[in-house]
Amino acid sequence: MRTTADAVDAILVGGGHNGLVCAAYLARSGLKPLVLEKRSVVGGAAVTEEFHPGFRNSVAAYTVSLLQPKVIRDLDLAAHGLKIVLRRANNFLPRPDGTYLLTGAGRTHAEVAKFSRRDAERLPEYERRLDAIADLLRDLALQPPPNVTDGGWLKALPELLRAGKLGKRLKSLDSTLRTELLDLFAISAGEYLDRFFESEPIKAVLGFDGIVGNYASPYTPGSAYVLLHHVFGEVNGVKGAWGHAIGGMGAITQAMARSAIASGTRIRTDCGVREILVERGRVVGVVTEAGETLRARCVIANVNPKLLYERLLDPAHVPAPVRERMANWRCGSGTFRMNVALSRLPDFTCLPGEGDHLTAGIIMAPSLDYMDRAWLEARAGGWSKNPIVEMLIPSTLDDSLAPRGQHVASLFCQHVAPVLPDGKSWDDHREEVADVMISTVERYAPGFKDSVLGRQIKSPLDLERDFGLIGGDIFHGALSLNQLFSARPMLGYANYRGALPGLYLCGAGTHPGGGVTGAPGHNAARAVLAGLR
């Protein structure tokens, strides 16, 4: 199928979830978007595949919380087949000494009290403060941040008004919470948690969110914000909850694709983009990997900003400040992703048998110090010999993923170096590191290794090759203070417009950042509509 110039208003480069969301909103507003996806299926990192005969699972992204309720409603994703169920427990932390912590509605207080009554008493205040700040982030997620601009009052006035609205919203927080918000952007998750708690289990469960997708120690300044970023979601109206999409994460993006198509979007798979076309200083279309030239009124990039400016655009067209920014754009999640087919459920020494704990996020990292050492080991040798492993078993909530009586598990593993030292290749060490991850689970659930029927492995290099996640970075750029809010992806370009006329960005490298949220796609669509009209 060829596409003519007058048939397309917007070309979206990349059919990940934000690209689909953006396209759906544009189509619902009367425009004619075309989504180009290099793989044979849309969804980007949020896809479900059969990885072993009879076993299906989410390949990369693996759990639901941050997906914006407004996006779910506006795109009517439920009518297009999306169903999300809550975990029956939030998190399960098995410990080497045979104890455990199991969190969730109605049980967290008593569980924490097993280790510290003081911590149990402090928990409501911690939750109150974090909830208040998370509510602010929820509001800000669907709004572009103030854009630092040049060009006089005409351009600056809308941004000043936006900043004023933000200031008014911040003023609704009391002085303690405003100070707390500032701290959360700057300090470490460990320092923040030490203010409230004394026992290791609760700090490990909460602090894990500070290093998810973050190649850092929980004591690294800025990791407190990463913790905060992971708590402003909700599932089925329950704030801060985590859930599972029936059919895996691909069910989300397939519902988005159906919604977009129903509204008038066209989607082409197996159609990667080789180059973004620029004529007389303006973006006018793309050249596909097959050599086909497609033109449109604008191009919207749903890729890492570094990939956009360094690989898809001729450097001669990219302004020097943008080239410098992208040269210093920090990527790399320290993530090693696995899916395993299981003949049976794991049996944990500290809590034998089946139960709600097997529907939770199972965190195998007993303390913040353990997480710190894992990071230091990875920095020194390329991967930790005692890694951090979070395991989910979605087949405990969704029997469509595995044969009857058998199961699938997602292993989200850290820390590994995005690029191995001394010129080593991940292709040569993938299986070795996968064995380390399986052995880590085995220590807590003896017999796990023997239950593995098959496994799918995604090293940082695999994640980059398959999904365009540079250095395996699940966020399209680290969530550090200098890469957030008005500085994401850089000052002067926080309004989803690119460095050239006719170019827009809608991926996780824009505000509010990574995760399966749909927020960048939602916000970018507004910017495109305003620009084209």
Protein backbone atom coordinates (compact mmCIF):
# COMPACT_ATOMS: atom_id res chain seq x y z
CA MET A 1 0.00 0.00 0.00
CA ARG A 2 1.36 3.40 -1.02
CA THR A 3 0.41 6.60 0.74
CA THR A 4 -0.05 9.85 -1.15
CA ALA A 5 0.77 13.27 0.24
CA ASP A 6 -2.82 14.49 0.38
CA ALA A 7 -3.96 11.39 2.27
CA VAL A 8 -1.90 11.91 5.43
CA ASP A 9 -1.85 14.72 7.96
CA ALA A 10 0.62 13.13 10.38
CA ILE A 11 3.12 10.30 10.15
CA LEU A 12 3.92 8.64 13.48
CA VAL A 13 7.31 6.96 13.64
CA GLY A 14 6.92 4.00 15.97
CA GLY A 15 3.80 2.05 16.89
CA GLY A 16 4.42 1.85 20.62
CA HIS A 17 1.64 2.68 23.03
CA ASN A 18 2.23 6.45 23.01
CA GLY A 19 2.24 6.55 19.22
CA LEU A 20 -1.06 4.68 19.13
CA VAL A 21 -2.58 6.99 21.74
CA CYS A 22 -1.43 10.08 19.87
CA ALA A 23 -2.77 8.73 16.58
CA ALA A 24 -6.13 7.84 18.12
CA TYR A 25 -6.61 11.35 19.50
CA LEU A 26 -5.63 12.92 16.17
CA ALA A 27 -8.02 10.70 14.25
CA ARG A 28 -10.83 11.43 16.67
CA SER A 29 -10.23 15.13 15.96
CA GLY A 30 -10.65 14.65 12.22
CA LEU A 31 -7.04 14.31 11.07
CA LYS A 32 -5.63 11.44 9.03
CA PRO A 33 -2.69 9.87 10.88
CA LEU A 34 -0.48 7.07 9.60
CA VAL A 35 1.47 4.90 12.07
CA LEU A 36 4.65 3.22 10.82
CA GLU A 37 6.02 0.33 12.89
CA LYS A 38 9.21 -1.58 12.01
CA ARG A 39 8.14 -4.80 13.74
CA SER A 40 5.38 -7.11 12.54
CA VAL A 41 3.14 -6.11 15.43
CA VAL A 42 2.33 -2.75 17.01
CA GLY A 43 2.80 -2.11 20.70
CA GLY A 44 6.50 -1.35 21.06
CA ALA A 45 7.71 -2.70 24.39
CA ALA A 46 4.12 -3.43 25.48
CA VAL A 47 3.47 -6.62 23.52
CA THR A 48 2.46 -10.20 24.26
CA GLU A 49 4.14 -13.08 22.43
CA GLU A 50 4.32 -16.85 22.57
CA PHE A 51 7.89 -17.45 23.75
CA HIS A 52 7.64 -21.23 24.32
CA PRO A 53 5.09 -23.60 22.76
CA GLY A 54 1.77 -22.94 24.50
CA PHE A 55 3.16 -20.18 26.76
CA ARG A 56 2.49 -16.48 26.17
CA ASN A 57 3.61 -13.49 28.18
CA SER A 58 4.35 -9.79 28.10
CA VAL A 59 7.75 -9.51 26.45
CA ALA A 60 9.18 -6.31 27.97
CA ALA A 61 6.73 -4.09 29.88
CA TYR A 62 5.00 -6.47 32.26
CA THR A 63 2.56 -4.85 34.71
CA VAL A 64 -0.08 -2.11 34.81
CA SER A 65 -0.50 0.90 37.07
CA LEU A 66 0.53 4.12 35.37
CA LEU A 67 -1.85 3.90 32.39
CA GLN A 68 -3.89 7.11 32.55
CA PRO A 69 -7.60 6.59 33.37
CA LYS A 70 -8.47 9.49 31.04
CA VAL A 71 -6.77 7.71 28.15
CA ILE A 72 -8.65 4.50 28.97
CA ARG A 73 -11.95 6.43 28.96
CA ASP A 74 -11.31 8.67 25.95
CA LEU A 75 -10.20 5.82 23.72
CA ASP A 76 -12.91 3.53 25.13
CA LEU A 77 -10.36 0.78 25.58
CA ALA A 78 -12.74 -1.45 27.52
CA ALA A 79 -15.07 -1.57 24.50
CA HIS A 80 -12.05 -2.55 22.42
CA GLY A 81 -11.29 -5.55 24.64
CA LEU A 82 -9.15 -4.25 27.50
CA LYS A 83 -9.71 -5.79 30.91
CA ILE A 84 -7.41 -5.11 33.88
CA VAL A 85 -7.55 -7.03 37.15
CA LEU A 86 -5.93 -6.14 40.46
CA ARG A 87 -3.28 -8.23 42.13
CA ARG A 88 -4.63 -9.92 45.26
CA ALA A 89 -1.55 -8.66 47.12
CA ASN A 90 0.77 -5.82 46.20
CA ASN A 91 4.28 -7.03 47.01
CA PHE A 92 5.87 -10.09 48.56
CA LEU A 93 9.39 -9.86 50.02
CA PRO A 94 10.86 -13.26 50.93
CA ARG A 95 13.91 -12.99 53.17
CA PRO A 96 16.95 -15.28 53.55
CA ASP A 97 16.25 -15.80 57.27
CA GLY A 98 12.86 -17.40 56.54
CA THR A 99 10.74 -14.35 57.35
CA TYR A 100 8.71 -12.38 54.80
CA LEU A 101 6.74 -9.19 54.27
CA LEU A 102 3.47 -9.27 52.31
CA THR A 103 1.82 -5.94 51.51
CA GLY A 104 -1.63 -5.08 50.23
CA ALA A 105 -4.97 -3.63 51.19
CA GLY A 106 -5.91 -4.54 54.75
CA ARG A 107 -2.68 -6.36 55.53
CA THR A 108 0.32 -4.00 55.25
CA HIS A 109 0.06 -2.49 58.77
CA ALA A 110 0.05 -5.85 60.54
CA GLU A 111 2.80 -7.20 58.29
CA VAL A 112 5.09 -4.24 58.96
CA ALA A 113 4.39 -4.52 62.71
CA LYS A 114 5.96 -8.00 62.64
CA PHE A 115 9.30 -6.23 62.20
CA SER A 116 8.68 -2.85 63.87
CA ARG A 117 5.66 -1.44 65.67
CA ARG A 118 7.15 2.01 65.26
CA ASP A 119 7.28 1.56 61.48
CA ALA A 120 3.69 0.37 61.40
CA GLU A 121 2.65 3.50 63.28
CA ARG A 122 4.67 5.70 60.92
CA LEU A 123 3.22 4.09 57.78
CA PRO A 124 -0.04 6.13 57.60
CA GLU A 125 1.86 9.44 57.71
CA TYR A 126 4.26 8.25 55.01
CA GLU A 127 1.33 7.21 52.84
CA ARG A 128 -0.55 10.48 53.50
CA ARG A 129 2.39 12.59 52.37
CA LEU A 130 3.23 10.50 49.34
CA ASP A 131 -0.43 10.31 48.28
CA ALA A 132 -0.80 14.09 48.44
CA ILE A 133 2.28 14.61 46.29
CA ALA A 134 1.28 11.78 43.92
CA ASP A 135 -2.09 13.51 43.41
CA LEU A 136 -0.18 16.57 42.21
CA LEU A 137 1.83 14.46 39.78
CA ARG A 138 -1.34 12.87 38.45
CA ASP A 139 -2.66 16.34 37.62
CA LEU A 140 0.60 17.45 36.02
CA ALA A 141 1.06 14.29 33.95
CA LEU A 142 -1.59 15.33 31.41
CA GLN A 143 -0.34 18.90 31.06
CA PRO A 144 2.73 20.14 29.21
CA PRO A 145 5.24 21.70 31.60
CA PRO A 146 6.17 25.39 31.26
CA ASN A 147 8.43 25.68 28.25
CA VAL A 148 11.54 27.84 28.61
CA THR A 149 11.47 29.87 25.39
CA ASP A 150 13.24 32.63 23.56
CA GLY A 151 11.46 35.05 21.26
CA GLY A 152 9.94 37.78 23.40
CA TRP A 153 6.69 38.23 25.27
CA LEU A 154 4.42 36.80 22.58
CA LYS A 155 5.95 33.34 22.97
CA ALA A 156 6.70 33.68 26.66
CA LEU A 157 3.25 34.77 27.84
CA PRO A 158 1.48 31.38 27.47
CA GLU A 159 4.36 29.74 29.32
CA LEU A 160 4.19 32.32 32.10
CA LEU A 161 0.47 31.64 32.46
CA ARG A 162 1.16 27.90 32.59
CA ALA A 163 3.81 28.47 35.23
CA GLY A 164 1.34 30.57 37.19
CA LYS A 165 -1.21 27.76 37.16
CA LEU A 166 1.47 25.36 38.32
CA GLY A 167 2.43 27.72 41.12
CA LYS A 168 -1.20 27.91 42.21
CA ARG A 169 -1.41 24.12 42.25
CA LEU A 170 1.80 23.86 44.28
CA LYS A 171 0.43 26.42 46.73
CA SER A 172 -2.37 23.97 47.57
CA LEU A 173 0.29 21.85 49.31
CA ASP A 174 1.19 22.90 52.83
CA SER A 175 4.73 24.11 53.49
CA THR A 176 5.83 20.70 54.76
CA LEU A 177 4.68 18.97 51.59
CA ARG A 178 6.21 21.63 49.33
CA THR A 179 9.55 21.02 51.04
CA GLU A 180 8.99 17.29 50.75
CA LEU A 181 8.34 17.59 47.02
CA LEU A 182 11.59 19.47 46.56
CA ASP A 183 13.43 16.80 48.52
CA LEU A 184 11.91 14.02 46.45
CA PHE A 185 13.39 15.51 43.29
CA ALA A 186 16.87 15.71 44.77
CA ILE A 187 17.62 13.15 47.48
CA SER A 188 17.97 9.37 47.42
CA ALA A 189 15.19 6.86 48.04
CA GLY A 190 17.25 5.47 50.92
CA GLU A 191 17.60 8.85 52.62
CA TYR A 192 13.89 9.54 52.23
CA LEU A 193 12.83 6.16 53.62
CA ASP A 194 15.26 6.45 56.53
CA ARG A 195 13.28 9.49 57.67
CA PHE A 196 10.25 7.31 58.32
CA PHE A 197 11.31 3.72 58.94
CA GLU A 198 13.86 1.67 60.86
CA SER A 199 13.24 -1.91 59.68
CA GLU A 200 14.79 -3.26 56.50
CA PRO A 201 11.81 -5.14 55.00
CA ILE A 202 9.52 -2.15 54.53
CA LYS A 203 12.40 -0.01 53.27
CA ALA A 204 13.30 -2.73 50.76
CA VAL A 205 9.73 -3.07 49.44
CA LEU A 206 9.26 0.68 49.07
CA GLY A 207 12.82 1.43 48.00
CA PHE A 208 12.67 -1.08 45.15
CA ASP A 209 10.51 1.45 43.26
CA GLY A 210 13.45 3.86 43.41
CA ILE A 211 15.68 1.63 41.30
CA VAL A 212 13.16 0.09 38.87
CA GLY A 213 14.56 0.87 35.44
CA ASN A 214 17.12 3.09 37.14
CA TYR A 215 20.79 2.06 36.88
CA ALA A 216 21.63 3.40 40.31
CA SER A 217 21.86 2.60 43.98
CA PRO A 218 18.86 3.35 46.21
CA TYR A 219 21.29 5.76 47.88
CA THR A 220 21.92 7.67 44.63
CA PRO A 221 20.61 11.27 44.79
CA GLY A 222 17.50 11.57 42.64
CA SER A 223 16.32 8.00 43.17
CA ALA A 224 13.58 9.27 45.50
CA TYR A 225 11.87 10.82 42.46
CA VAL A 226 11.98 7.49 40.62
CA LEU A 227 10.23 5.99 43.65
CA LEU A 228 7.61 8.74 43.45
CA HIS A 229 7.18 8.25 39.70
CA HIS A 230 6.11 4.66 40.31
CA VAL A 231 3.38 5.48 42.84
CA PHE A 232 1.23 8.02 41.00
CA GLY A 233 -0.66 5.38 39.04
CA GLU A 234 -4.00 3.70 39.70
CA VAL A 235 -5.90 0.63 38.57
CA ASN A 236 -9.68 0.44 38.30
CA GLY A 237 -9.99 3.56 40.47
CA VAL A 238 -7.63 2.31 43.19
CA LYS A 239 -4.77 4.80 43.59
CA GLY A 240 -1.27 3.37 43.78
CA ALA A 241 -2.45 -0.13 42.89
CA TRP A 242 -0.84 -2.50 40.39
CA GLY A 243 -2.68 -4.87 38.11
CA HIS A 244 -2.54 -7.23 35.17
CA ALA A 245 -4.05 -6.81 31.71
CA ILE A 246 -5.84 -9.99 30.72
CA GLY A 247 -3.90 -11.28 27.74
CA GLY A 248 -0.72 -9.48 28.83
CA MET A 249 0.54 -6.01 28.05
CA GLY A 250 -0.13 -6.59 24.38
CA ALA A 251 -3.83 -6.51 25.21
CA ILE A 252 -3.43 -2.82 26.07
CA THR A 253 -1.77 -1.86 22.81
CA GLN A 254 -4.05 -4.05 20.69
CA ALA A 255 -7.04 -2.28 22.24
CA MET A 256 -5.35 1.06 21.50
CA ALA A 257 -4.74 0.00 17.91
CA ARG A 258 -8.36 -1.04 17.46
CA SER A 259 -9.53 2.28 18.90
CA ALA A 260 -7.19 4.22 16.62
CA ILE A 261 -8.24 2.28 13.52
CA ALA A 262 -11.92 2.70 14.37
CA SER A 263 -11.34 6.47 14.49
CA GLY A 264 -9.62 6.57 11.10
CA THR A 265 -5.95 5.83 11.77
CA ARG A 266 -3.99 3.75 9.28
CA ILE A 267 -1.27 1.44 10.60
CA ARG A 268 1.54 -0.18 8.64
CA THR A 269 3.70 -2.85 10.25
CA ASP A 270 7.02 -4.20 8.91
CA CYS A 271 7.64 -0.62 7.86
CA GLY A 272 10.63 0.87 9.65
CA VAL A 273 11.75 4.43 9.04
CA ARG A 274 15.29 5.01 7.75
CA GLU A 275 15.28 8.80 7.63
CA ILE A 276 13.14 11.82 8.45
CA LEU A 277 12.95 14.13 5.42
CA VAL A 278 13.83 17.82 5.77
CA GLU A 279 13.32 20.36 3.01
CA ARG A 280 14.15 24.05 3.34
CA GLY A 281 14.51 23.63 7.09
CA ARG A 282 11.14 21.92 7.62
CA VAL A 283 10.23 18.27 8.24
CA VAL A 284 8.02 17.09 5.38
CA GLY A 285 7.94 13.29 5.65
CA VAL A 286 10.00 10.12 5.97
CA VAL A 287 11.90 7.57 3.92
CA THR A 288 11.17 3.99 4.92
CA GLU A 289 13.75 1.24 5.20
CA ALA A 290 12.38 -0.11 1.93
CA GLY A 291 13.16 3.21 0.23
CA GLU A 292 9.59 4.49 0.00
CA THR A 293 9.08 8.24 0.44
CA LEU A 294 6.01 9.27 2.41
CA ARG A 295 4.98 12.88 2.95
CA ALA A 296 2.71 14.52 5.52
CA ARG A 297 1.98 17.86 7.14
CA CYS A 298 3.99 16.76 10.19
CA VAL A 299 6.03 13.87 11.57
CA ILE A 300 5.63 12.69 15.17
CA ALA A 301 8.48 10.63 16.62
CA ASN A 302 7.61 7.98 19.18
CA VAL A 303 11.24 7.06 19.82
CA ASN A 304 14.01 7.93 22.25
CA PRO A 305 15.05 11.55 21.54
CA LYS A 306 18.65 10.39 21.17
CA LEU A 307 17.62 7.94 18.47
CA LEU A 308 15.58 10.65 16.74
CA TYR A 309 18.25 13.33 16.59
CA GLU A 310 21.31 11.14 16.13
CA ARG A 311 20.04 8.39 13.81
CA LEU A 312 16.89 9.48 11.98
CA LEU A 313 17.86 13.07 11.15
CA ASP A 314 20.83 14.26 9.14
CA PRO A 315 23.10 15.96 11.72
CA ALA A 316 23.40 18.95 9.38
CA HIS A 317 19.73 19.73 10.03
CA VAL A 318 19.94 19.43 13.83
CA PRO A 319 20.75 22.67 15.71
CA ALA A 320 24.09 22.54 17.54
CA PRO A 321 22.57 22.91 21.06
CA VAL A 322 20.31 19.92 20.38
CA ARG A 323 23.24 17.83 19.14
CA GLU A 324 25.15 18.67 22.32
CA ARG A 325 22.17 17.86 24.53
CA MET A 326 21.66 14.49 22.85
CA ALA A 327 25.34 13.66 23.14
CA ASN A 328 24.86 14.02 26.90
CA TRP A 329 21.36 12.48 27.08
CA ARG A 330 21.74 9.77 29.72
CA CYS A 331 20.25 6.36 28.91
CA GLY A 332 20.58 2.91 30.43
CA SER A 333 18.28 1.11 32.84
CA GLY A 334 20.48 -1.68 34.18
CA THR A 335 17.67 -4.03 33.18
CA PHE A 336 17.81 -7.70 32.20
CA ARG A 337 14.39 -9.06 31.25
CA MET A 338 13.29 -12.71 31.21
CA ASN A 339 10.12 -14.73 30.69
CA VAL A 340 10.00 -18.33 31.84
CA ALA A 341 7.59 -21.18 31.21
CA LEU A 342 6.96 -23.18 34.39
CA SER A 343 5.71 -26.71 34.92
CA ARG A 344 4.40 -25.67 38.35
CA LEU A 345 4.17 -22.72 40.71
CA PRO A 346 7.24 -21.83 42.78
CA ASP A 347 7.22 -22.90 46.41
CA PHE A 348 8.85 -20.36 48.71
CA THR A 349 10.63 -21.59 51.81
CA CYS A 350 9.33 -18.72 53.94
CA LEU A 351 5.70 -19.13 52.81
CA PRO A 352 5.10 -22.58 51.29
CA GLY A 353 2.19 -23.46 49.05
CA GLU A 354 -0.17 -21.41 46.94
CA GLY A 355 -1.73 -18.13 48.04
CA ASP A 356 -2.20 -14.45 47.35
CA HIS A 357 1.54 -13.88 47.63
CA LEU A 358 2.01 -15.56 44.25
CA THR A 359 -0.15 -12.89 42.57
CA ALA A 360 2.06 -10.11 43.94
CA GLY A 361 5.24 -8.51 42.76
CA ILE A 362 7.79 -10.85 44.35
CA ILE A 363 10.90 -8.84 45.24
CA MET A 364 14.08 -10.81 45.82
CA ALA A 365 16.30 -8.12 47.32
CA PRO A 366 16.03 -8.14 51.12
CA SER A 367 17.47 -4.71 51.95
CA LEU A 368 18.57 -1.38 50.53
CA ASP A 369 22.19 -2.34 51.29
CA TYR A 370 21.75 -5.47 49.17
CA MET A 371 20.47 -3.29 46.29
CA ASP A 372 23.40 -0.93 46.73
CA ARG A 373 25.87 -3.81 46.51
CA ALA A 374 24.13 -5.15 43.40
CA TRP A 375 24.69 -1.82 41.68
CA LEU A 376 28.34 -1.64 42.73
CA GLU A 377 28.95 -5.19 41.49
CA ALA A 378 27.37 -4.41 38.12
CA ARG A 379 29.47 -1.30 37.71
CA ALA A 380 32.63 -3.23 38.46
CA GLY A 381 32.04 -6.42 36.50
CA GLY A 382 29.09 -5.91 34.16
CA TRP A 383 26.46 -7.68 36.23
CA SER A 384 25.74 -8.48 39.84
CA LYS A 385 26.36 -12.01 41.11
CA ASN A 386 23.66 -11.26 43.69
CA PRO A 387 21.14 -9.40 41.57
CA ILE A 388 17.78 -7.80 42.28
CA VAL A 389 14.95 -9.87 40.83
CA GLU A 390 11.28 -8.98 40.78
CA MET A 391 9.12 -11.88 39.66
CA LEU A 392 5.48 -11.75 38.65
CA ILE A 393 3.41 -14.83 37.83
CA PRO A 394 0.58 -13.36 35.74
CA SER A 395 -0.91 -16.78 35.03
CA THR A 396 -2.16 -16.82 38.64
CA LEU A 397 -4.57 -14.07 37.51
CA ASP A 398 -4.92 -14.93 33.82
CA ASP A 399 -5.31 -18.56 32.73
CA SER A 400 -5.07 -17.63 29.04
CA LEU A 401 -1.27 -17.40 29.20
CA ALA A 402 -0.26 -21.01 29.88
CA PRO A 403 -1.57 -24.58 29.53
CA ARG A 404 -3.80 -25.77 32.35
CA GLY A 405 -1.83 -26.45 35.54
CA GLN A 406 1.27 -24.68 34.21
CA HIS A 407 2.40 -21.07 34.50
CA VAL A 408 4.45 -18.21 33.12
CA ALA A 409 6.61 -15.84 35.11
CA SER A 410 8.08 -12.44 34.30
CA LEU A 411 11.52 -11.74 35.74
CA PHE A 412 12.58 -8.09 35.84
CA CYS A 413 16.23 -8.26 36.85
CA GLN A 414 18.79 -5.69 37.97
CA HIS A 415 21.56 -4.69 38.07
CA VAL A 416 23.43 -5.23 34.84
CA ALA A 417 25.56 -2.75 32.92
CA PRO A 418 23.79 -1.32 29.85
CA VAL A 419 27.09 -1.75 27.99
CA LEU A 420 29.51 -4.40 29.25
CA PRO A 421 33.05 -3.30 30.16
CA ASP A 422 36.27 -4.33 28.38
CA GLY A 423 34.60 -4.70 25.01
CA LYS A 424 32.53 -7.71 26.06
CA SER A 425 29.26 -8.38 24.22
CA TRP A 426 25.92 -9.20 25.75
CA ASP A 427 25.47 -11.78 23.00
CA ASP A 428 28.29 -13.80 24.58
CA HIS A 429 27.07 -13.53 28.18
CA ARG A 430 23.27 -13.56 27.89
CA GLU A 431 22.82 -17.21 28.90
CA GLU A 432 25.37 -16.97 31.71
CA VAL A 433 23.58 -14.03 33.31
CA ALA A 434 20.19 -15.70 32.81
CA ASP A 435 21.48 -18.64 34.85
CA VAL A 436 22.42 -16.20 37.65
CA MET A 437 18.88 -14.84 37.67
CA ILE A 438 17.30 -18.31 37.83
CA SER A 439 19.68 -19.29 40.64
CA THR A 440 18.67 -16.19 42.58
CA VAL A 441 15.03 -17.28 42.55
CA GLU A 442 16.12 -20.82 43.43
CA ARG A 443 17.63 -19.59 46.71
CA TYR A 444 14.20 -18.45 47.88
CA ALA A 445 12.10 -21.14 46.17
CA PRO A 446 14.04 -24.43 45.94
CA GLY A 447 13.00 -26.46 42.92
CA PHE A 448 12.32 -23.41 40.78
CA LYS A 449 15.17 -24.21 38.40
CA ASP A 450 13.84 -27.69 37.71
CA SER A 451 10.38 -26.29 36.97
CA VAL A 452 11.63 -24.09 34.09
CA LEU A 453 10.48 -25.55 30.76
CA GLY A 454 11.69 -22.70 28.58
CA ARG A 455 12.90 -19.15 28.80
CA GLN A 456 13.04 -15.94 26.80
CA ILE A 457 15.97 -13.62 27.50
CA LYS A 458 16.26 -9.90 26.76
CA SER A 459 19.61 -8.36 27.62
CA PRO A 460 20.03 -4.56 27.40
CA LEU A 461 21.39 -5.08 23.89
CA ASP A 462 18.35 -7.19 22.94
CA LEU A 463 16.00 -4.52 24.28
CA GLU A 464 17.80 -1.92 22.19
CA ARG A 465 17.76 -3.98 19.00
CA ASP A 466 14.18 -5.18 19.36
CA PHE A 467 12.45 -2.09 20.74
CA GLY A 468 14.79 0.86 20.24
CA LEU A 469 15.44 1.09 23.99
CA ILE A 470 18.94 2.55 23.92
CA GLY A 471 21.08 0.78 26.50
CA GLY A 472 17.93 -1.13 27.46
CA ASP A 473 16.50 2.12 28.87
CA ILE A 474 12.81 1.51 29.52
CA PHE A 475 12.22 5.25 30.10
CA HIS A 476 13.79 6.63 26.85
CA GLY A 477 16.18 8.56 29.09
CA ALA A 478 16.95 8.55 32.81
CA LEU A 479 14.44 10.18 35.16
CA SER A 480 17.07 12.46 36.69
CA LEU A 481 16.47 16.05 37.74
CA ASN A 482 18.22 17.44 34.64
CA GLN A 483 16.04 15.27 32.37
CA LEU A 484 12.61 15.93 33.88
CA PHE A 485 9.70 18.31 33.48
CA SER A 486 10.71 21.45 31.48
CA ALA A 487 14.10 19.84 30.75
CA ARG A 488 12.62 16.71 29.13
CA PRO A 489 14.02 16.30 26.55
CA MET A 490 15.61 19.76 26.85
CA LEU A 491 14.88 23.35 27.80
CA GLY A 492 12.95 25.09 25.06
CA TYR A 493 11.48 21.84 23.68
CA ALA A 494 9.27 20.67 26.53
CA ASN A 495 6.06 21.35 24.55
CA TYR A 496 6.30 18.17 22.41
CA ARG A 497 7.56 20.18 19.42
CA GLY A 498 10.83 19.11 17.87
CA ALA A 499 13.85 21.16 16.97
CA LEU A 500 12.57 21.69 13.41
CA PRO A 501 9.19 22.95 12.14
CA GLY A 502 6.85 20.09 11.36
CA LEU A 503 8.50 17.75 13.89
CA TYR A 504 6.90 16.58 17.14
CA LEU A 505 7.78 14.04 19.85
CA CYS A 506 5.28 11.82 21.66
CA GLY A 507 7.41 9.16 23.38
CA ALA A 508 8.58 8.52 26.92
CA GLY A 509 11.51 10.88 26.36
CA THR A 510 9.02 13.71 26.84
CA HIS A 511 7.07 14.77 29.95
CA PRO A 512 6.07 12.99 32.20
CA GLY A 513 8.52 10.23 31.29
CA GLY A 514 8.50 6.45 31.12
CA GLY A 515 6.10 3.69 31.96
CA VAL A 516 2.98 2.58 30.10
CA THR A 517 1.07 5.79 30.79
CA GLY A 518 -0.23 7.11 27.48
CA ALA A 519 0.36 10.61 28.86
CA PRO A 520 3.04 11.72 26.36
CA GLY A 521 0.86 10.54 23.48
CA HIS A 522 -2.16 12.38 24.90
CA ASN A 523 -0.23 15.61 25.44
CA ALA A 524 1.57 15.49 22.10
CA ALA A 525 -1.74 15.14 20.25
CA ARG A 526 -2.86 18.42 21.77
CA ALA A 527 0.35 20.11 20.63
CA VAL A 528 -0.01 18.72 17.09
CA LEU A 529 -3.63 19.84 16.82
CA ALA A 530 -2.71 23.33 17.99
CA GLY A 531 0.22 23.48 15.58
CA LEU A 532 -1.67 22.27 12.50
CA ARG A 533 -4.64 24.54 13.11
